[in-house]
Amino acid sequence: MATSPPPSQDKPCPAIPMGVDETIQHSDWPALTQAEIKAVLASHGHAHHRQPRILETSIRPYSAAALVTLPHGEELFIKRHDGRLRTAGAQQKEHDFIHHLHSQGLPVIQPLKTPQGQSFISLPSQQGAPQIYELFPGLKGRDTYRHDVTWGQSWHNQAQAYAAGALLGRLHRASATWRTPPQPRSQEALLLSGMAPLEGADGANRFLAAMAQRGLPEQRALLAGDLPGLLHHFHQRLRQAPSQEVFLWGHGDWHGVNLTWRQDDADKIEEVFDFGMSDATSAAFDLAVALERSAIAWLNPGGPAPFSQALLDAFLAGYASTGFSAALKRCASWLPLCHVPFALSEDDYYRRLLQDGASADIALEGYLVGHMQWFLAEEGQRFLSTLQQSAERHAAAARHCPLTPSQKR
């Protein structure tokens, strides 16, 4: 890709789109500047007289990022989080989780550490809250899904769907040996993808009461509409679901856009990255999140529609190969609800941080309520029934499939 000459030190890098659909035209956050990039590199022992070359910058939401190359050719990936969105405490928990998974043999991309042993740094900002910076090595594998949009595309073929399901199961097995409290609610992690807000027999009531207590006009309007009925309906079905929860930390955003694929075999996964949504949850909830991201074409111009049944079956078969039969039995019950905590936190993100009321309204009406309405309608009910049958079939097969030594951790 051709690049522009490096900008001056006090100006943002050019927004060369990285991993986004061509229709996305702007970033939520200012691009990383040369001054920021040099400060982050210097903190990690990469002080150079020559400016690093910016290969690409990202305009994905929630953070600012850039891929740079050093004078000797090494590629590094820099990511900046606004301190109002993510604090040092939340970032440290995420990195601790990544390090644990790596110690269990998972192919995760680990953040690089400073000479003092820190896996991220904080720098002051004009917004008040310190900015959090991470530095990662460049991707080794193929970024096959870089132009795909979550909720818009599924797995490219059955082999990749199976590989993604199997690796998620391995991640859950590795995560089950790691015990740490969940990310603090609101204070330290604004964007949430965990089950805590809906957990327990009174989860729906607590969630609705918390919305009412916030007192936001837009959310009060939902409370007077379809939301309470939808939430209680699906929460009641969840309480009647078979099997028990397997509590553990999950990835929180499992989709092809957060995986790279081997150079010598395009159907095998090289690395997993982006654990920004990871949190204490359950295997079934995290599996449901993965299905919510990749099993339904939510952005279809003609309205939401399930993707290929063959891709869904391949993903579930891969997951079943790791032996998590309990998660398979409950994932269909979590599916209509698993987006709810994230949708509400997206309202916070757009309305409070970005002052973008239009996007916040979409998060509440089109995402929070709209997805549940689809699951309640005929096509959504048919999909949930098909998913439950398929998941139970794979769960039964998993009980008769002994784990390999590499899976016994």
Foldseek 3Di string as FASTA:
>chain_A
DDADPADDQPAAGDAAAWLEAPVDDAALDTADGQVNVQVFCVQQVNHDPDGWAWPHWHRDYQWTKTWTAHPVGWIKIKIKGPQLAAPPVLVVVLLVLQVLLVVLPAFAWHWRAGPVGDQWDWDDDPVGGTMIMTMTGDDPFALVNSHPDWLAAADPDLLLLLQLLQSQLLSQLSQLVDDDAWDDDSPGHLFEQACVCQDDPCSLVSNLVVLVVVVDPLSVVVVVDCQSVLSVVLSVVLVVFDFDWRKGKHQRARGSSQWGAHPVDRSHTNYGYDSSHITTHTSLLNVLNHCSGHQWNCVPPVHIAGDDPSSVLSNLLSNLLLQPLRSLRNNLSCNLPSCQSRLQSVLCCCCPVSVNNVVSSCSVPVNNPVSSVVCVDDRNVVVSVVSNVSSNVSSVVSVVNDHDPSSPD
